[in-house]
């Protein structure tokens, strides 16, 4: 889950009062040699009503992507492309990501013993 600053996108006003843009969201994972080991690309064609456009101006464009990242991955790269003007931005995150120090510990549960027939 992440958000894109609305100032980095160009929504075109349409004659009906809506705002239009096409945005590509990319998530890719790489191993130690820089080889691509996983990728996910989502394209959104947005036709926003004026009230939705105002909400985005305040909170950004929020994105949820799911990608299976192999254990051997050392980096996750997120990319956003505004198709209207071909602007691209990326962010690289080293893996594994450590939990923040104040994050609650994950409870580990063991499976119950197998019952005999």
C-alpha atoms as a PDB file:
ATOM      1  CA  UNK A   1       0.000   0.000   0.000  1.00  0.00           C
ATOM      2  CA  UNK A   2       1.343   3.401  -0.919  1.00  0.00           C
ATOM      3  CA  UNK A   3       0.207   6.813  -2.093  1.00  0.00           C
ATOM      4  CA  UNK A   4       1.331   9.106  -4.909  1.00  0.00           C
ATOM      5  CA  UNK A   5       1.449  12.865  -4.409  1.00  0.00           C
ATOM      6  CA  UNK A   6      -1.203  14.443  -6.662  1.00  0.00           C
ATOM      7  CA  UNK A   7       1.194  17.216  -7.710  1.00  0.00           C
ATOM      8  CA  UNK A   8       3.250  14.531  -9.491  1.00  0.00           C
ATOM      9  CA  UNK A   9       0.315  13.547 -11.729  1.00  0.00           C
ATOM     10  CA  UNK A  10      -1.458  15.424 -14.489  1.00  0.00           C
ATOM     11  CA  UNK A  11      -5.211  14.981 -14.503  1.00  0.00           C
ATOM     12  CA  UNK A  12      -6.752  16.584 -17.589  1.00  0.00           C
ATOM     13  CA  UNK A  13     -10.049  18.445 -17.109  1.00  0.00           C
ATOM     14  CA  UNK A  14     -12.773  17.116 -19.390  1.00  0.00           C
ATOM     15  CA  UNK A  15     -15.755  19.030 -20.879  1.00  0.00           C
ATOM     16  CA  UNK A  16     -18.190  17.207 -18.550  1.00  0.00           C
ATOM     17  CA  UNK A  17     -16.336  18.490 -15.453  1.00  0.00           C
ATOM     18  CA  UNK A  18     -14.505  15.219 -14.723  1.00  0.00           C
ATOM     19  CA  UNK A  19     -10.724  14.741 -14.630  1.00  0.00           C
ATOM     20  CA  UNK A  20      -8.940  12.072 -16.679  1.00  0.00           C
ATOM     21  CA  UNK A  21      -5.541  10.390 -16.413  1.00  0.00           C
ATOM     22  CA  UNK A  22      -3.967   7.003 -17.147  1.00  0.00           C
ATOM     23  CA  UNK A  23      -1.434   5.808 -14.578  1.00  0.00           C
ATOM     24  CA  UNK A  24       0.779   2.695 -14.525  1.00  0.00           C
ATOM     25  CA  UNK A  25       1.809   1.318 -11.122  1.00  0.00           C
ATOM     26  CA  UNK A  26       4.751  -1.094 -11.140  1.00  0.00           C
ATOM     27  CA  UNK A  27       6.247  -3.283  -8.402  1.00  0.00           C
ATOM     28  CA  UNK A  28       9.359  -5.315  -9.197  1.00  0.00           C
ATOM     29  CA  UNK A  29      11.738  -7.443  -7.142  1.00  0.00           C
ATOM     30  CA  UNK A  30      15.416  -8.137  -7.886  1.00  0.00           C
ATOM     31  CA  UNK A  31      17.976 -10.666  -6.633  1.00  0.00           C
ATOM     32  CA  UNK A  32      21.629 -10.028  -5.673  1.00  0.00           C
ATOM     33  CA  UNK A  33      22.749 -10.040  -9.334  1.00  0.00           C
ATOM     34  CA  UNK A  34      20.110  -7.486 -10.309  1.00  0.00           C
ATOM     35  CA  UNK A  35      17.992 -10.085 -12.083  1.00  0.00           C
ATOM     36  CA  UNK A  36      14.256  -9.416 -12.122  1.00  0.00           C
ATOM     37  CA  UNK A  37      12.578 -12.173 -10.073  1.00  0.00           C
ATOM     38  CA  UNK A  38       9.008 -10.843  -9.768  1.00  0.00           C
ATOM     39  CA  UNK A  39       6.878  -8.066 -11.215  1.00  0.00           C
ATOM     40  CA  UNK A  40       3.362  -6.694 -11.080  1.00  0.00           C
ATOM     41  CA  UNK A  41       2.012  -3.900 -13.297  1.00  0.00           C
ATOM     42  CA  UNK A  42      -1.399  -2.316 -12.840  1.00  0.00           C
ATOM     43  CA  UNK A  43      -2.860   0.324 -15.115  1.00  0.00           C
ATOM     44  CA  UNK A  44      -5.567   2.682 -13.930  1.00  0.00           C
ATOM     45  CA  UNK A  45      -7.622   4.795 -16.313  1.00  0.00           C
ATOM     46  CA  UNK A  46      -9.161   7.373 -14.002  1.00  0.00           C
ATOM     47  CA  UNK A  47     -12.207   9.455 -14.873  1.00  0.00           C
ATOM     48  CA  UNK A  48     -12.813  11.313 -11.634  1.00  0.00           C
ATOM     49  CA  UNK A  49     -15.838  13.310 -10.610  1.00  0.00           C
ATOM     50  CA  UNK A  50     -14.987  16.769  -9.197  1.00  0.00           C
ATOM     51  CA  UNK A  51     -15.571  15.683  -5.570  1.00  0.00           C
ATOM     52  CA  UNK A  52     -13.319  12.621  -5.980  1.00  0.00           C
ATOM     53  CA  UNK A  53     -10.664  14.794  -7.628  1.00  0.00           C
ATOM     54  CA  UNK A  54     -10.748  17.144  -4.595  1.00  0.00           C
ATOM     55  CA  UNK A  55     -10.290  14.156  -2.251  1.00  0.00           C
ATOM     56  CA  UNK A  56      -7.260  13.025  -4.255  1.00  0.00           C
ATOM     57  CA  UNK A  57      -5.778  16.525  -4.100  1.00  0.00           C
ATOM     58  CA  UNK A  58      -5.897  16.253  -0.299  1.00  0.00           C
ATOM     59  CA  UNK A  59      -4.861  12.632   0.257  1.00  0.00           C
ATOM     60  CA  UNK A  60      -3.041  11.548  -2.893  1.00  0.00           C
ATOM     61  CA  UNK A  61      -3.701   8.591  -5.145  1.00  0.00           C
ATOM     62  CA  UNK A  62      -3.728   5.510  -2.934  1.00  0.00           C
ATOM     63  CA  UNK A  63      -2.586   2.208  -4.405  1.00  0.00           C
ATOM     64  CA  UNK A  64      -2.719  -1.414  -3.245  1.00  0.00           C
ATOM     65  CA  UNK A  65      -0.656  -3.983  -5.126  1.00  0.00           C
ATOM     66  CA  UNK A  66       0.105  -7.586  -4.307  1.00  0.00           C
ATOM     67  CA  UNK A  67       3.259  -9.312  -5.501  1.00  0.00           C
ATOM     68  CA  UNK A  68       4.868 -12.628  -4.516  1.00  0.00           C
ATOM     69  CA  UNK A  69       8.457 -11.722  -3.672  1.00  0.00           C
ATOM     70  CA  UNK A  70      10.903 -14.660  -3.591  1.00  0.00           C
ATOM     71  CA  UNK A  71      13.037 -15.031  -0.453  1.00  0.00           C
ATOM     72  CA  UNK A  72      16.210 -14.456  -2.504  1.00  0.00           C
ATOM     73  CA  UNK A  73      15.055 -10.905  -3.383  1.00  0.00           C
ATOM     74  CA  UNK A  74      17.257  -8.076  -2.114  1.00  0.00           C
ATOM     75  CA  UNK A  75      15.308  -5.073  -3.428  1.00  0.00           C
ATOM     76  CA  UNK A  76      11.745  -4.057  -4.212  1.00  0.00           C
ATOM     77  CA  UNK A  77      11.285  -1.212  -6.694  1.00  0.00           C
ATOM     78  CA  UNK A  78       8.018   0.711  -6.941  1.00  0.00           C
ATOM     79  CA  UNK A  79       7.351   2.789 -10.039  1.00  0.00           C
ATOM     80  CA  UNK A  80       4.635   5.167 -11.148  1.00  0.00           C
ATOM     81  CA  UNK A  81       4.188   6.370 -14.728  1.00  0.00           C
ATOM     82  CA  UNK A  82       1.820   9.163 -15.685  1.00  0.00           C
ATOM     83  CA  UNK A  83       1.002   8.096 -19.243  1.00  0.00           C
ATOM     84  CA  UNK A  84      -0.316  11.544 -20.243  1.00  0.00           C
ATOM     85  CA  UNK A  85       3.097  13.172 -19.987  1.00  0.00           C
ATOM     86  CA  UNK A  86       5.389  10.113 -19.756  1.00  0.00           C
ATOM     87  CA  UNK A  87       6.718  11.120 -16.330  1.00  0.00           C
ATOM     88  CA  UNK A  88       8.085   8.217 -14.314  1.00  0.00           C
ATOM     89  CA  UNK A  89       9.142   8.061 -10.679  1.00  0.00           C
ATOM     90  CA  UNK A  90      10.651   5.137  -8.775  1.00  0.00           C
ATOM     91  CA  UNK A  91      11.510   4.213  -5.219  1.00  0.00           C
ATOM     92  CA  UNK A  92      13.751   1.305  -4.241  1.00  0.00           C
ATOM     93  CA  UNK A  93      13.345  -0.485  -0.917  1.00  0.00           C
ATOM     94  CA  UNK A  94      16.088  -2.817   0.365  1.00  0.00           C
ATOM     95  CA  UNK A  95      14.836  -6.238   1.459  1.00  0.00           C
ATOM     96  CA  UNK A  96      14.100  -7.695   3.891  1.00  0.00           C
ATOM     97  CA  UNK A  97      12.161  -4.853   5.510  1.00  0.00           C
ATOM     98  CA  UNK A  98      12.531  -4.901   9.273  1.00  0.00           C
ATOM     99  CA  UNK A  99       9.499  -4.344  11.479  1.00  0.00           C
ATOM    100  CA  UNK A 100       9.503  -1.028  13.370  1.00  0.00           C
ATOM    101  CA  UNK A 101      10.682  -1.357  16.977  1.00  0.00           C
ATOM    102  CA  UNK A 102       7.214  -0.534  18.339  1.00  0.00           C
ATOM    103  CA  UNK A 103       5.400  -3.073  16.137  1.00  0.00           C
ATOM    104  CA  UNK A 104       3.577  -5.833  18.032  1.00  0.00           C
ATOM    105  CA  UNK A 105       5.162  -9.253  17.831  1.00  0.00           C
ATOM    106  CA  UNK A 106       3.420 -11.756  15.591  1.00  0.00           C
ATOM    107  CA  UNK A 107       1.947 -14.608  17.580  1.00  0.00           C
ATOM    108  CA  UNK A 108       3.235 -17.976  16.460  1.00  0.00           C
ATOM    109  CA  UNK A 109       0.766 -20.819  16.587  1.00  0.00           C
ATOM    110  CA  UNK A 110       1.633 -24.444  16.320  1.00  0.00           C
ATOM    111  CA  UNK A 111      -0.656 -26.910  14.642  1.00  0.00           C
ATOM    112  CA  UNK A 112      -2.545 -29.347  16.883  1.00  0.00           C
ATOM    113  CA  UNK A 113      -1.242 -32.911  16.922  1.00  0.00           C
ATOM    114  CA  UNK A 114      -2.598 -35.254  14.274  1.00  0.00           C
ATOM    115  CA  UNK A 115      -5.269 -37.536  15.701  1.00  0.00           C
ATOM    116  CA  UNK A 116      -5.033 -41.249  15.089  1.00  0.00           C
ATOM    117  CA  UNK A 117      -7.748 -42.911  13.014  1.00  0.00           C
END
